[in-house]
């Protein structure tokens, strides 16, 4: 069983663990301070130092929500002839925070195949069983869209520019696999489990363009000690579990945009020859957007 992580109350208030847990909950130092009306007894600089001391790879990515943008353009793909403004103002809930200007920019970039941001996705398999893939259900902002639970996804998050593959992969593990293991030191930068899971020469086996984001996709094996998933704790994903690669063809499961393409690319990767070279693929969402012109 995985531990559902919903609050930071289990840590003594103002303890180092409490501050780090709040960081994972809100995604940035600035958002933590804002959520507490800037009344916490700690400065911005002190907070950043505390996060660094725990070996946390800081969040990367635009302020607008990837989940919201994916949801919006998935709806756009269902109604390709509807103008963006009409879709935005008539169909999106009042709690939808991403601005129409940001969505126009993403749409324009997607049409012109301009990549503005980078992201990292992990195909995590139990040691010795490469046909199983770790997934979870999105936890953030799901109620906004009237969902009982979030879409099913592999572990994935934005990446920073000019950072190493190790840093990009570790950020995903820290945010979407186990914040508990970060606080224990095992998944911090150069932590024992981090070094065991992430190869020194980690390289993506495919790239996938989703909207204006290029996702580098890696395959990693989880050591047996973690395969029970009892250490899973994340504010972004819940209900961690393994799916067989064939399950990604299931039409009943509501997958996040891009997941079926990643599973198909991984299946091809498993059949690779010695001359295998990762290629750049266009997501189904992008293909649909490119197939139509804005009305």
C-alpha atoms as a PDB file:
ATOM      1  CA  UNK A   1       0.000   0.000   0.000  1.00  0.00           C
ATOM      2  CA  UNK A   2       1.226   3.486  -0.769  1.00  0.00           C
ATOM      3  CA  UNK A   3       0.952   6.289   1.744  1.00  0.00           C
ATOM      4  CA  UNK A   4      -1.460   8.981   0.598  1.00  0.00           C
ATOM      5  CA  UNK A   5       0.175  12.313   1.299  1.00  0.00           C
ATOM      6  CA  UNK A   6      -2.329  15.079   1.939  1.00  0.00           C
ATOM      7  CA  UNK A   7      -0.947  17.322   4.641  1.00  0.00           C
ATOM      8  CA  UNK A   8       2.161  18.347   6.529  1.00  0.00           C
ATOM      9  CA  UNK A   9       0.618  18.102  10.030  1.00  0.00           C
ATOM     10  CA  UNK A  10       2.582  14.993  10.949  1.00  0.00           C
ATOM     11  CA  UNK A  11       5.761  17.061  11.179  1.00  0.00           C
ATOM     12  CA  UNK A  12       6.392  19.424  14.108  1.00  0.00           C
ATOM     13  CA  UNK A  13       5.525  22.956  13.045  1.00  0.00           C
ATOM     14  CA  UNK A  14       8.527  25.017  11.940  1.00  0.00           C
ATOM     15  CA  UNK A  15      10.792  21.959  11.942  1.00  0.00           C
ATOM     16  CA  UNK A  16      13.096  21.455   8.971  1.00  0.00           C
ATOM     17  CA  UNK A  17      10.959  18.511   7.830  1.00  0.00           C
ATOM     18  CA  UNK A  18       7.821  20.653   8.060  1.00  0.00           C
ATOM     19  CA  UNK A  19       9.315  23.327   5.821  1.00  0.00           C
ATOM     20  CA  UNK A  20      10.546  20.799   3.256  1.00  0.00           C
ATOM     21  CA  UNK A  21       7.180  19.054   3.226  1.00  0.00           C
ATOM     22  CA  UNK A  22       5.450  22.380   2.570  1.00  0.00           C
ATOM     23  CA  UNK A  23       7.850  22.966  -0.301  1.00  0.00           C
ATOM     24  CA  UNK A  24       6.792  19.726  -1.984  1.00  0.00           C
ATOM     25  CA  UNK A  25       3.147  20.474  -1.255  1.00  0.00           C
ATOM     26  CA  UNK A  26       3.156  23.931  -2.887  1.00  0.00           C
ATOM     27  CA  UNK A  27       5.955  23.521  -5.423  1.00  0.00           C
ATOM     28  CA  UNK A  28       8.095  26.548  -4.600  1.00  0.00           C
ATOM     29  CA  UNK A  29       9.303  28.680  -1.718  1.00  0.00           C
ATOM     30  CA  UNK A  30       7.337  31.652  -2.978  1.00  0.00           C
ATOM     31  CA  UNK A  31       4.074  29.671  -3.123  1.00  0.00           C
ATOM     32  CA  UNK A  32       4.585  28.385   0.429  1.00  0.00           C
ATOM     33  CA  UNK A  33       5.089  31.897   1.769  1.00  0.00           C
ATOM     34  CA  UNK A  34       2.105  33.170  -0.202  1.00  0.00           C
ATOM     35  CA  UNK A  35      -0.124  30.371   1.133  1.00  0.00           C
ATOM     36  CA  UNK A  36       0.809  31.428   4.678  1.00  0.00           C
ATOM     37  CA  UNK A  37       0.279  35.160   4.040  1.00  0.00           C
ATOM     38  CA  UNK A  38       4.040  35.741   4.271  1.00  0.00           C
ATOM     39  CA  UNK A  39       3.828  35.248   8.040  1.00  0.00           C
ATOM     40  CA  UNK A  40       6.234  32.307   8.433  1.00  0.00           C
ATOM     41  CA  UNK A  41       9.261  33.039  10.651  1.00  0.00           C
ATOM     42  CA  UNK A  42      11.756  32.422   7.867  1.00  0.00           C
ATOM     43  CA  UNK A  43      13.179  34.556   5.072  1.00  0.00           C
ATOM     44  CA  UNK A  44      13.126  33.611   1.399  1.00  0.00           C
ATOM     45  CA  UNK A  45      16.905  33.123   1.421  1.00  0.00           C
ATOM     46  CA  UNK A  46      16.779  30.967   4.560  1.00  0.00           C
ATOM     47  CA  UNK A  47      14.034  28.822   3.062  1.00  0.00           C
ATOM     48  CA  UNK A  48      15.971  28.258  -0.159  1.00  0.00           C
ATOM     49  CA  UNK A  49      19.048  27.256   1.864  1.00  0.00           C
ATOM     50  CA  UNK A  50      16.995  24.800   3.907  1.00  0.00           C
ATOM     51  CA  UNK A  51      15.618  23.156   0.754  1.00  0.00           C
ATOM     52  CA  UNK A  52      19.132  22.918  -0.676  1.00  0.00           C
ATOM     53  CA  UNK A  53      20.482  21.379   2.536  1.00  0.00           C
ATOM     54  CA  UNK A  54      17.983  18.533   2.147  1.00  0.00           C
ATOM     55  CA  UNK A  55      19.335  17.786  -1.323  1.00  0.00           C
ATOM     56  CA  UNK A  56      16.119  18.781  -3.109  1.00  0.00           C
ATOM     57  CA  UNK A  57      16.218  19.440  -6.851  1.00  0.00           C
ATOM     58  CA  UNK A  58      14.118  22.573  -7.103  1.00  0.00           C
ATOM     59  CA  UNK A  59      10.995  22.726  -9.235  1.00  0.00           C
ATOM     60  CA  UNK A  60      11.230  23.844 -12.848  1.00  0.00           C
ATOM     61  CA  UNK A  61       8.561  25.007 -15.255  1.00  0.00           C
ATOM     62  CA  UNK A  62       6.170  27.750 -16.155  1.00  0.00           C
ATOM     63  CA  UNK A  63       3.741  29.179 -13.644  1.00  0.00           C
ATOM     64  CA  UNK A  64       0.778  28.030 -15.713  1.00  0.00           C
ATOM     65  CA  UNK A  65      -0.354  24.514 -14.933  1.00  0.00           C
ATOM     66  CA  UNK A  66       0.665  21.679 -17.240  1.00  0.00           C
ATOM     67  CA  UNK A  67      -2.386  19.751 -16.048  1.00  0.00           C
ATOM     68  CA  UNK A  68      -4.693  22.641 -16.949  1.00  0.00           C
ATOM     69  CA  UNK A  69      -3.114  23.180 -20.360  1.00  0.00           C
ATOM     70  CA  UNK A  70      -3.326  19.476 -21.197  1.00  0.00           C
ATOM     71  CA  UNK A  71      -6.967  19.416 -20.153  1.00  0.00           C
ATOM     72  CA  UNK A  72      -7.786  22.534 -22.200  1.00  0.00           C
ATOM     73  CA  UNK A  73      -6.168  21.314 -25.406  1.00  0.00           C
ATOM     74  CA  UNK A  74      -7.613  17.832 -25.003  1.00  0.00           C
ATOM     75  CA  UNK A  75     -11.031  19.524 -25.064  1.00  0.00           C
ATOM     76  CA  UNK A  76      -9.906  21.595 -28.042  1.00  0.00           C
ATOM     77  CA  UNK A  77      -8.949  18.411 -29.895  1.00  0.00           C
ATOM     78  CA  UNK A  78     -12.470  17.077 -29.326  1.00  0.00           C
ATOM     79  CA  UNK A  79     -13.934  20.250 -30.857  1.00  0.00           C
ATOM     80  CA  UNK A  80     -11.270  21.401 -33.331  1.00  0.00           C
ATOM     81  CA  UNK A  81     -13.389  24.143 -34.884  1.00  0.00           C
ATOM     82  CA  UNK A  82     -14.264  25.930 -31.664  1.00  0.00           C
ATOM     83  CA  UNK A  83     -12.314  29.201 -31.129  1.00  0.00           C
ATOM     84  CA  UNK A  84      -9.990  29.224 -28.137  1.00  0.00           C
ATOM     85  CA  UNK A  85     -11.838  32.127 -26.489  1.00  0.00           C
ATOM     86  CA  UNK A  86     -15.202  30.398 -26.700  1.00  0.00           C
ATOM     87  CA  UNK A  87     -13.795  27.183 -25.274  1.00  0.00           C
ATOM     88  CA  UNK A  88     -12.047  29.113 -22.518  1.00  0.00           C
ATOM     89  CA  UNK A  89     -14.895  31.354 -21.399  1.00  0.00           C
ATOM     90  CA  UNK A  90     -17.793  28.949 -21.890  1.00  0.00           C
ATOM     91  CA  UNK A  91     -16.340  25.576 -20.900  1.00  0.00           C
ATOM     92  CA  UNK A  92     -13.564  26.121 -18.362  1.00  0.00           C
ATOM     93  CA  UNK A  93     -14.501  26.279 -14.649  1.00  0.00           C
ATOM     94  CA  UNK A  94     -14.106  29.551 -12.753  1.00  0.00           C
ATOM     95  CA  UNK A  95     -11.237  27.993 -10.806  1.00  0.00           C
ATOM     96  CA  UNK A  96      -9.226  27.533 -14.033  1.00  0.00           C
ATOM     97  CA  UNK A  97      -6.135  29.686 -13.442  1.00  0.00           C
ATOM     98  CA  UNK A  98      -4.148  29.526 -16.688  1.00  0.00           C
ATOM     99  CA  UNK A  99      -4.729  32.724 -18.678  1.00  0.00           C
ATOM    100  CA  UNK A 100      -6.128  32.810 -22.201  1.00  0.00           C
ATOM    101  CA  UNK A 101      -2.954  34.660 -23.235  1.00  0.00           C
ATOM    102  CA  UNK A 102      -0.817  31.750 -22.058  1.00  0.00           C
ATOM    103  CA  UNK A 103      -3.029  29.265 -23.893  1.00  0.00           C
ATOM    104  CA  UNK A 104      -2.819  31.310 -27.100  1.00  0.00           C
ATOM    105  CA  UNK A 105       0.970  31.282 -26.786  1.00  0.00           C
ATOM    106  CA  UNK A 106       1.066  27.521 -26.266  1.00  0.00           C
ATOM    107  CA  UNK A 107      -1.308  26.989 -29.205  1.00  0.00           C
ATOM    108  CA  UNK A 108       0.767  29.212 -31.490  1.00  0.00           C
ATOM    109  CA  UNK A 109       3.979  27.467 -30.459  1.00  0.00           C
ATOM    110  CA  UNK A 110       2.383  24.069 -31.052  1.00  0.00           C
ATOM    111  CA  UNK A 111       1.172  25.073 -34.524  1.00  0.00           C
ATOM    112  CA  UNK A 112       4.660  26.303 -35.417  1.00  0.00           C
ATOM    113  CA  UNK A 113       6.336  23.331 -33.692  1.00  0.00           C
ATOM    114  CA  UNK A 114       8.290  25.655 -31.421  1.00  0.00           C
ATOM    115  CA  UNK A 115       9.596  24.001 -28.248  1.00  0.00           C
ATOM    116  CA  UNK A 116       9.588  26.357 -25.279  1.00  0.00           C
ATOM    117  CA  UNK A 117      10.066  24.050 -22.319  1.00  0.00           C
ATOM    118  CA  UNK A 118      11.589  20.704 -21.415  1.00  0.00           C
ATOM    119  CA  UNK A 119      10.163  17.921 -19.277  1.00  0.00           C
ATOM    120  CA  UNK A 120      11.223  14.481 -18.078  1.00  0.00           C
ATOM    121  CA  UNK A 121       9.111  11.321 -17.885  1.00  0.00           C
ATOM    122  CA  UNK A 122      10.143   8.045 -16.262  1.00  0.00           C
ATOM    123  CA  UNK A 123       9.192   4.538 -17.296  1.00  0.00           C
ATOM    124  CA  UNK A 124       9.964   2.792 -13.998  1.00  0.00           C
ATOM    125  CA  UNK A 125       9.923  -1.006 -13.967  1.00  0.00           C
ATOM    126  CA  UNK A 126      10.459  -3.485 -11.134  1.00  0.00           C
ATOM    127  CA  UNK A 127      13.920  -4.968 -11.207  1.00  0.00           C
ATOM    128  CA  UNK A 128      13.824  -7.963 -13.551  1.00  0.00           C
ATOM    129  CA  UNK A 129      10.397  -7.239 -15.090  1.00  0.00           C
ATOM    130  CA  UNK A 130      10.631  -4.648 -17.838  1.00  0.00           C
ATOM    131  CA  UNK A 131       7.037  -5.165 -19.008  1.00  0.00           C
ATOM    132  CA  UNK A 132       5.607  -3.554 -15.864  1.00  0.00           C
ATOM    133  CA  UNK A 133       5.422   0.251 -15.674  1.00  0.00           C
ATOM    134  CA  UNK A 134       4.874   2.380 -12.566  1.00  0.00           C
ATOM    135  CA  UNK A 135       1.940   4.797 -12.802  1.00  0.00           C
ATOM    136  CA  UNK A 136      -0.113   6.960 -10.477  1.00  0.00           C
ATOM    137  CA  UNK A 137      -3.248   9.084 -10.589  1.00  0.00           C
ATOM    138  CA  UNK A 138      -2.926  12.862 -10.794  1.00  0.00           C
ATOM    139  CA  UNK A 139      -3.858  14.489  -7.495  1.00  0.00           C
ATOM    140  CA  UNK A 140      -3.518  18.202  -8.214  1.00  0.00           C
ATOM    141  CA  UNK A 141      -6.405  20.299  -9.507  1.00  0.00           C
ATOM    142  CA  UNK A 142      -8.599  17.343 -10.388  1.00  0.00           C
ATOM    143  CA  UNK A 143     -11.726  18.646  -8.645  1.00  0.00           C
ATOM    144  CA  UNK A 144     -11.606  21.696 -10.914  1.00  0.00           C
ATOM    145  CA  UNK A 145     -12.549  19.489 -13.825  1.00  0.00           C
ATOM    146  CA  UNK A 146     -15.255  17.511 -12.052  1.00  0.00           C
ATOM    147  CA  UNK A 147     -13.203  14.311 -11.929  1.00  0.00           C
ATOM    148  CA  UNK A 148     -13.464  11.759  -9.142  1.00  0.00           C
ATOM    149  CA  UNK A 149      -9.788  11.015  -9.641  1.00  0.00           C
ATOM    150  CA  UNK A 150      -7.041  12.288 -11.854  1.00  0.00           C
ATOM    151  CA  UNK A 151      -5.763  10.878 -15.107  1.00  0.00           C
ATOM    152  CA  UNK A 152      -3.344   7.959 -14.897  1.00  0.00           C
ATOM    153  CA  UNK A 153       0.235   8.923 -15.717  1.00  0.00           C
ATOM    154  CA  UNK A 154       3.814   7.792 -15.550  1.00  0.00           C
ATOM    155  CA  UNK A 155       6.025   9.949 -13.343  1.00  0.00           C
ATOM    156  CA  UNK A 156       6.713  13.228 -15.129  1.00  0.00           C
ATOM    157  CA  UNK A 157       7.632  16.858 -14.433  1.00  0.00           C
ATOM    158  CA  UNK A 158       9.193  19.928 -16.021  1.00  0.00           C
ATOM    159  CA  UNK A 159      12.986  20.104 -16.356  1.00  0.00           C
ATOM    160  CA  UNK A 160      15.386  23.008 -16.095  1.00  0.00           C
ATOM    161  CA  UNK A 161      17.588  24.324 -18.857  1.00  0.00           C
ATOM    162  CA  UNK A 162      21.255  23.320 -18.882  1.00  0.00           C
ATOM    163  CA  UNK A 163      20.866  20.793 -16.074  1.00  0.00           C
ATOM    164  CA  UNK A 164      22.214  17.249 -16.123  1.00  0.00           C
ATOM    165  CA  UNK A 165      20.124  14.188 -16.930  1.00  0.00           C
ATOM    166  CA  UNK A 166      20.722  13.079 -13.350  1.00  0.00           C
ATOM    167  CA  UNK A 167      19.151  16.259 -11.974  1.00  0.00           C
ATOM    168  CA  UNK A 168      16.153  16.028 -14.313  1.00  0.00           C
ATOM    169  CA  UNK A 169      15.471  12.403 -13.381  1.00  0.00           C
ATOM    170  CA  UNK A 170      16.023  12.931  -9.659  1.00  0.00           C
ATOM    171  CA  UNK A 171      13.546  15.829  -9.582  1.00  0.00           C
ATOM    172  CA  UNK A 172      10.832  13.511 -10.918  1.00  0.00           C
ATOM    173  CA  UNK A 173      11.653  10.826  -8.345  1.00  0.00           C
ATOM    174  CA  UNK A 174      11.644  13.356  -5.514  1.00  0.00           C
ATOM    175  CA  UNK A 175       8.352  14.997  -6.473  1.00  0.00           C
ATOM    176  CA  UNK A 176       6.340  12.082  -7.829  1.00  0.00           C
ATOM    177  CA  UNK A 177       7.783   8.907  -6.279  1.00  0.00           C
ATOM    178  CA  UNK A 178       8.690   9.629  -2.661  1.00  0.00           C
ATOM    179  CA  UNK A 179       9.119  12.847  -0.710  1.00  0.00           C
ATOM    180  CA  UNK A 180       9.626  10.677   2.400  1.00  0.00           C
ATOM    181  CA  UNK A 181      12.826   9.258   0.937  1.00  0.00           C
ATOM    182  CA  UNK A 182      14.069  12.793   0.273  1.00  0.00           C
ATOM    183  CA  UNK A 183      13.675  13.739   3.918  1.00  0.00           C
ATOM    184  CA  UNK A 184      15.365  10.503   5.007  1.00  0.00           C
ATOM    185  CA  UNK A 185      18.313  11.410   2.769  1.00  0.00           C
ATOM    186  CA  UNK A 186      18.077   8.366   0.506  1.00  0.00           C
ATOM    187  CA  UNK A 187      16.664  10.289  -2.470  1.00  0.00           C
ATOM    188  CA  UNK A 188      18.547  13.519  -1.953  1.00  0.00           C
ATOM    189  CA  UNK A 189      21.276  14.621  -4.334  1.00  0.00           C
ATOM    190  CA  UNK A 190      23.928  11.861  -4.169  1.00  0.00           C
ATOM    191  CA  UNK A 191      21.727   9.849  -1.787  1.00  0.00           C
ATOM    192  CA  UNK A 192      22.181   6.080  -1.618  1.00  0.00           C
ATOM    193  CA  UNK A 193      18.950   5.178  -3.445  1.00  0.00           C
ATOM    194  CA  UNK A 194      19.340   7.984  -5.947  1.00  0.00           C
ATOM    195  CA  UNK A 195      22.716   6.591  -6.960  1.00  0.00           C
ATOM    196  CA  UNK A 196      21.305   3.052  -7.144  1.00  0.00           C
ATOM    197  CA  UNK A 197      18.296   3.955  -9.303  1.00  0.00           C
ATOM    198  CA  UNK A 198      19.823   6.520 -11.669  1.00  0.00           C
ATOM    199  CA  UNK A 199      22.670   5.268 -13.898  1.00  0.00           C
ATOM    200  CA  UNK A 200      25.604   7.623 -14.331  1.00  0.00           C
ATOM    201  CA  UNK A 201      25.077   7.518 -18.087  1.00  0.00           C
ATOM    202  CA  UNK A 202      21.265   7.779 -18.027  1.00  0.00           C
ATOM    203  CA  UNK A 203      19.958   8.647 -21.494  1.00  0.00           C
ATOM    204  CA  UNK A 204      16.387   9.008 -22.809  1.00  0.00           C
ATOM    205  CA  UNK A 205      15.078   6.279 -25.094  1.00  0.00           C
ATOM    206  CA  UNK A 206      12.629   8.647 -26.810  1.00  0.00           C
ATOM    207  CA  UNK A 207      11.480  12.247 -26.995  1.00  0.00           C
ATOM    208  CA  UNK A 208       7.823  13.239 -27.171  1.00  0.00           C
ATOM    209  CA  UNK A 209       6.486  16.680 -28.069  1.00  0.00           C
ATOM    210  CA  UNK A 210       3.325  17.492 -26.086  1.00  0.00           C
ATOM    211  CA  UNK A 211       2.077  20.996 -26.871  1.00  0.00           C
ATOM    212  CA  UNK A 212       5.209  23.178 -26.752  1.00  0.00           C
ATOM    213  CA  UNK A 213       6.991  20.868 -24.302  1.00  0.00           C
ATOM    214  CA  UNK A 214       9.612  18.310 -25.335  1.00  0.00           C
ATOM    215  CA  UNK A 215       9.530  15.357 -22.960  1.00  0.00           C
ATOM    216  CA  UNK A 216      12.667  13.253 -22.545  1.00  0.00           C
ATOM    217  CA  UNK A 217      11.591   9.726 -21.582  1.00  0.00           C
ATOM    218  CA  UNK A 218      13.894   7.432 -19.569  1.00  0.00           C
ATOM    219  CA  UNK A 219      13.640   3.799 -18.538  1.00  0.00           C
ATOM    220  CA  UNK A 220      14.878   2.935 -15.051  1.00  0.00           C
ATOM    221  CA  UNK A 221      14.598  -0.148 -12.846  1.00  0.00           C
ATOM    222  CA  UNK A 222      13.383   0.041  -9.265  1.00  0.00           C
ATOM    223  CA  UNK A 223      15.378  -2.126  -6.832  1.00  0.00           C
ATOM    224  CA  UNK A 224      13.403  -4.914  -5.163  1.00  0.00           C
ATOM    225  CA  UNK A 225      13.356  -3.051  -1.848  1.00  0.00           C
ATOM    226  CA  UNK A 226      11.106  -0.370  -3.383  1.00  0.00           C
ATOM    227  CA  UNK A 227       8.828  -2.560  -5.504  1.00  0.00           C
ATOM    228  CA  UNK A 228       6.204  -2.973  -2.773  1.00  0.00           C
ATOM    229  CA  UNK A 229       5.652   0.785  -3.274  1.00  0.00           C
ATOM    230  CA  UNK A 230       5.266   1.275   0.467  1.00  0.00           C
ATOM    231  CA  UNK A 231       7.611   4.253   0.328  1.00  0.00           C
ATOM    232  CA  UNK A 232       5.556   6.144  -2.274  1.00  0.00           C
ATOM    233  CA  UNK A 233       4.488   9.578  -1.039  1.00  0.00           C
ATOM    234  CA  UNK A 234       3.711  12.459  -3.369  1.00  0.00           C
ATOM    235  CA  UNK A 235       1.513  15.526  -3.521  1.00  0.00           C
ATOM    236  CA  UNK A 236       1.258  15.176  -7.299  1.00  0.00           C
ATOM    237  CA  UNK A 237       0.472  11.484  -7.815  1.00  0.00           C
ATOM    238  CA  UNK A 238      -1.469   8.982  -5.739  1.00  0.00           C
ATOM    239  CA  UNK A 239      -2.479   5.336  -5.978  1.00  0.00           C
ATOM    240  CA  UNK A 240       0.938   4.284  -7.262  1.00  0.00           C
ATOM    241  CA  UNK A 241       0.818   0.883  -8.944  1.00  0.00           C
ATOM    242  CA  UNK A 242       2.344  -1.136 -11.749  1.00  0.00           C
ATOM    243  CA  UNK A 243       0.546  -1.655 -15.049  1.00  0.00           C
ATOM    244  CA  UNK A 244       1.547  -4.145 -17.698  1.00  0.00           C
ATOM    245  CA  UNK A 245       2.642  -2.469 -20.898  1.00  0.00           C
ATOM    246  CA  UNK A 246      -0.412  -3.939 -22.650  1.00  0.00           C
ATOM    247  CA  UNK A 247      -2.718  -2.147 -20.167  1.00  0.00           C
ATOM    248  CA  UNK A 248      -1.940   1.152 -21.869  1.00  0.00           C
ATOM    249  CA  UNK A 249      -4.165   0.006 -24.725  1.00  0.00           C
ATOM    250  CA  UNK A 250      -7.126  -0.219 -22.319  1.00  0.00           C
ATOM    251  CA  UNK A 251      -9.835   2.252 -23.313  1.00  0.00           C
ATOM    252  CA  UNK A 252     -11.428   2.184 -19.859  1.00  0.00           C
ATOM    253  CA  UNK A 253      -8.419   3.673 -18.078  1.00  0.00           C
ATOM    254  CA  UNK A 254      -8.295   7.453 -18.441  1.00  0.00           C
ATOM    255  CA  UNK A 255      -4.667   8.154 -19.283  1.00  0.00           C
ATOM    256  CA  UNK A 256      -2.977  11.519 -19.288  1.00  0.00           C
ATOM    257  CA  UNK A 257      -2.172  12.947 -22.713  1.00  0.00           C
ATOM    258  CA  UNK A 258       1.002  11.380 -24.118  1.00  0.00           C
ATOM    259  CA  UNK A 259       1.015   8.242 -21.982  1.00  0.00           C
ATOM    260  CA  UNK A 260      -0.092   5.837 -24.704  1.00  0.00           C
ATOM    261  CA  UNK A 261       2.565   7.227 -27.024  1.00  0.00           C
ATOM    262  CA  UNK A 262       5.191   6.719 -24.319  1.00  0.00           C
ATOM    263  CA  UNK A 263       4.074   3.116 -23.775  1.00  0.00           C
ATOM    264  CA  UNK A 264       4.193   2.426 -27.519  1.00  0.00           C
ATOM    265  CA  UNK A 265       7.648   3.982 -27.759  1.00  0.00           C
ATOM    266  CA  UNK A 266       8.807   1.893 -24.818  1.00  0.00           C
ATOM    267  CA  UNK A 267       7.488  -1.292 -26.461  1.00  0.00           C
ATOM    268  CA  UNK A 268       9.577  -0.460 -29.529  1.00  0.00           C
ATOM    269  CA  UNK A 269      12.553   0.270 -27.299  1.00  0.00           C
ATOM    270  CA  UNK A 270      12.323  -3.203 -25.755  1.00  0.00           C
ATOM    271  CA  UNK A 271      12.682  -4.659 -29.261  1.00  0.00           C
ATOM    272  CA  UNK A 272      15.613  -2.404 -30.089  1.00  0.00           C
ATOM    273  CA  UNK A 273      18.621  -3.457 -32.089  1.00  0.00           C
ATOM    274  CA  UNK A 274      22.217  -2.490 -31.227  1.00  0.00           C
ATOM    275  CA  UNK A 275      21.956   0.537 -33.506  1.00  0.00           C
ATOM    276  CA  UNK A 276      18.889   1.934 -31.734  1.00  0.00           C
ATOM    277  CA  UNK A 277      18.743   5.743 -31.752  1.00  0.00           C
ATOM    278  CA  UNK A 278      16.036   7.633 -29.820  1.00  0.00           C
ATOM    279  CA  UNK A 279      13.754   9.641 -32.064  1.00  0.00           C
ATOM    280  CA  UNK A 280      11.456  12.623 -31.587  1.00  0.00           C
ATOM    281  CA  UNK A 281       7.767  11.773 -31.776  1.00  0.00           C
ATOM    282  CA  UNK A 282       4.745  14.031 -32.037  1.00  0.00           C
ATOM    283  CA  UNK A 283       1.996  13.357 -29.514  1.00  0.00           C
ATOM    284  CA  UNK A 284      -1.509  12.526 -30.707  1.00  0.00           C
ATOM    285  CA  UNK A 285      -2.625  15.829 -29.176  1.00  0.00           C
ATOM    286  CA  UNK A 286      -0.154  17.802 -31.276  1.00  0.00           C
ATOM    287  CA  UNK A 287      -1.091  15.859 -34.378  1.00  0.00           C
ATOM    288  CA  UNK A 288      -4.731  16.808 -33.838  1.00  0.00           C
ATOM    289  CA  UNK A 289      -3.893  20.460 -33.253  1.00  0.00           C
ATOM    290  CA  UNK A 290      -1.752  20.602 -36.395  1.00  0.00           C
ATOM    291  CA  UNK A 291      -4.533  19.011 -38.436  1.00  0.00           C
ATOM    292  CA  UNK A 292      -6.825  21.998 -37.970  1.00  0.00           C
ATOM    293  CA  UNK A 293      -6.587  25.761 -38.333  1.00  0.00           C
ATOM    294  CA  UNK A 294      -8.044  28.129 -35.761  1.00  0.00           C
ATOM    295  CA  UNK A 295     -11.473  29.414 -36.831  1.00  0.00           C
END
